[in-house]
């Protein structure tokens, strides 16, 4: 049952182009691509309760957590947070689009922070080797 709810939500996210691949989902959930592949394939005890909760919270502006985690209610939320009256098909509103872009911006900000940390780490490594290669050579490396 959890797998069916997950697959329904996953397919919806692809339909509205919130994600385009399993890799997108892995990045949003901060999971490995292998983990997401196993869940999408329905292998083993997937999706786990923890995965469903993480998934529901990552897309809380779109989906009802109770539906994804417990199977209660409807899949989609209305922009004001209520369940839809008419479930004839997914309709993306302007506020959904704005929320989707804000989610994406937040994700990209996280990626930038991670890259900045990586650059700092590399600079500290270069500084450790400065006495070995000389300061002028080190400056050239750091400015590349």
Protein backbone atom coordinates (compact mmCIF):
# COMPACT_ATOMS: atom_id res chain seq x y z
CA UNK A 1 0.00 0.00 0.00
CA UNK A 2 2.81 2.46 0.87
CA UNK A 3 4.47 1.70 -2.43
CA UNK A 4 1.28 2.48 -4.34
CA UNK A 5 0.92 5.84 -2.54
CA UNK A 6 4.58 6.63 -3.12
CA UNK A 7 4.37 5.75 -6.81
CA UNK A 8 1.24 7.87 -7.24
CA UNK A 9 3.00 10.87 -5.68
CA UNK A 10 6.25 10.24 -7.57
CA UNK A 11 4.41 10.07 -10.89
CA UNK A 12 2.54 13.27 -10.04
CA UNK A 13 5.80 15.11 -9.31
CA UNK A 14 7.12 14.03 -12.69
CA UNK A 15 3.88 15.06 -14.39
CA UNK A 16 4.04 18.60 -13.00
CA UNK A 17 7.79 18.66 -13.73
CA UNK A 18 8.70 19.21 -10.07
CA UNK A 19 11.21 16.42 -10.63
CA UNK A 20 12.41 14.89 -13.87
CA UNK A 21 14.31 11.88 -12.60
CA UNK A 22 15.05 9.64 -9.67
CA UNK A 23 18.30 11.56 -9.26
CA UNK A 24 16.31 14.78 -8.69
CA UNK A 25 14.35 13.06 -5.94
CA UNK A 26 17.53 11.71 -4.33
CA UNK A 27 19.01 15.21 -4.22
CA UNK A 28 15.87 16.76 -2.74
CA UNK A 29 15.59 14.07 -0.07
CA UNK A 30 19.35 13.99 0.59
CA UNK A 31 19.35 10.25 -0.10
CA UNK A 32 21.64 8.20 -2.28
CA UNK A 33 20.48 7.50 -5.83
CA UNK A 34 20.67 3.79 -4.97
CA UNK A 35 18.20 4.24 -2.11
CA UNK A 36 15.73 6.05 -4.34
CA UNK A 37 16.20 3.45 -7.10
CA UNK A 38 15.29 0.66 -4.65
CA UNK A 39 12.20 2.55 -3.50
CA UNK A 40 11.02 3.34 -7.03
CA UNK A 41 11.56 -0.30 -8.00
CA UNK A 42 9.68 -1.45 -4.88
CA UNK A 43 12.55 -3.74 -3.85
CA UNK A 44 12.70 -5.16 -0.36
CA UNK A 45 10.84 -3.40 2.42
CA UNK A 46 10.58 -0.19 0.44
CA UNK A 47 9.47 2.42 0.95
CA UNK A 48 10.18 2.36 4.66
CA UNK A 49 8.13 4.41 7.11
CA UNK A 50 11.09 6.79 7.53
CA UNK A 51 11.43 7.27 3.77
CA UNK A 52 7.72 8.02 3.40
CA UNK A 53 7.87 10.56 6.21
CA UNK A 54 10.92 12.27 4.67
CA UNK A 55 9.22 12.24 1.27
CA UNK A 56 5.98 13.69 2.67
CA UNK A 57 7.81 16.46 4.51
CA UNK A 58 9.96 17.36 1.48
CA UNK A 59 6.79 17.94 -0.55
CA UNK A 60 4.51 19.14 2.23
CA UNK A 61 3.26 22.05 0.11
CA UNK A 62 1.92 19.61 -2.48
CA UNK A 63 0.94 16.40 -0.67
CA UNK A 64 -0.96 15.50 2.48
CA UNK A 65 1.40 13.81 4.94
CA UNK A 66 -1.44 11.72 6.40
CA UNK A 67 -2.17 10.28 2.98
CA UNK A 68 1.42 9.40 2.16
CA UNK A 69 2.33 8.03 5.59
CA UNK A 70 -0.97 6.53 6.79
CA UNK A 71 -3.15 6.30 3.69
CA UNK A 72 -5.77 8.70 5.13
CA UNK A 73 -7.39 11.47 3.10
CA UNK A 74 -6.42 12.69 -0.36
CA UNK A 75 -3.03 12.86 -2.08
CA UNK A 76 -3.02 16.55 -2.95
CA UNK A 77 -3.37 19.64 -0.82
CA UNK A 78 -5.13 22.77 -1.94
CA UNK A 79 -2.99 25.93 -1.88
CA UNK A 80 -4.59 26.88 1.47
CA UNK A 81 -3.62 23.48 2.94
CA UNK A 82 -7.04 21.82 2.72
CA UNK A 83 -7.93 18.67 0.84
CA UNK A 84 -9.29 19.11 -2.68
CA UNK A 85 -13.04 18.95 -3.25
CA UNK A 86 -12.78 17.86 -6.86
CA UNK A 87 -10.22 15.13 -7.48
CA UNK A 88 -10.71 15.05 -11.25
CA UNK A 89 -7.05 15.69 -11.90
CA UNK A 90 -4.01 17.58 -10.72
CA UNK A 91 -4.18 21.32 -11.25
CA UNK A 92 -1.07 23.37 -10.52
CA UNK A 93 -1.92 26.84 -9.25
CA UNK A 94 0.27 29.95 -9.32
CA UNK A 95 1.04 29.48 -5.63
CA UNK A 96 2.11 25.87 -6.36
CA UNK A 97 4.49 27.18 -9.01
CA UNK A 98 5.90 29.77 -6.61
CA UNK A 99 6.32 27.14 -3.88
CA UNK A 100 8.01 24.81 -6.36
CA UNK A 101 10.50 27.51 -7.33
CA UNK A 102 11.09 28.43 -3.68
CA UNK A 103 11.78 24.75 -2.90
CA UNK A 104 14.22 24.66 -5.79
CA UNK A 105 15.94 27.88 -4.64
CA UNK A 106 16.32 26.47 -1.12
CA UNK A 107 17.81 23.30 -2.57
CA UNK A 108 20.28 25.31 -4.69
CA UNK A 109 21.26 27.42 -1.68
CA UNK A 110 22.09 24.22 0.16
CA UNK A 111 24.20 23.06 -2.77
CA UNK A 112 26.10 26.39 -2.78
CA UNK A 113 26.82 26.08 0.94
CA UNK A 114 28.16 22.56 0.41
CA UNK A 115 30.37 23.73 -2.47
CA UNK A 116 31.69 26.64 -0.36
CA UNK A 117 32.63 24.18 2.40
CA UNK A 118 34.39 22.00 -0.16
CA UNK A 119 36.34 25.01 -1.49
CA UNK A 120 37.37 25.99 2.06
CA UNK A 121 38.57 22.43 2.68
CA UNK A 122 40.62 22.48 -0.52
CA UNK A 123 42.15 25.85 0.40
CA UNK A 124 43.22 24.50 3.78
CA UNK A 125 44.85 21.51 2.07
CA UNK A 126 46.67 23.84 -0.33
CA UNK A 127 47.84 25.98 2.60
CA UNK A 128 49.30 22.88 4.28
CA UNK A 129 51.38 22.21 1.18
CA UNK A 130 52.47 25.85 0.70
CA UNK A 131 55.82 25.36 2.46
CA UNK A 132 56.55 22.50 0.07
CA UNK A 133 55.75 24.30 -3.21
CA UNK A 134 56.38 27.93 -2.20
CA UNK A 135 54.01 30.81 -1.62
CA UNK A 136 53.95 32.12 -5.20
CA UNK A 137 53.06 28.71 -6.63
CA UNK A 138 50.40 28.28 -3.91
CA UNK A 139 48.80 31.65 -4.82
CA UNK A 140 48.61 30.59 -8.47
CA UNK A 141 46.90 27.33 -7.50
CA UNK A 142 44.37 29.05 -5.21
CA UNK A 143 43.39 31.60 -7.87
CA UNK A 144 42.73 29.03 -10.56
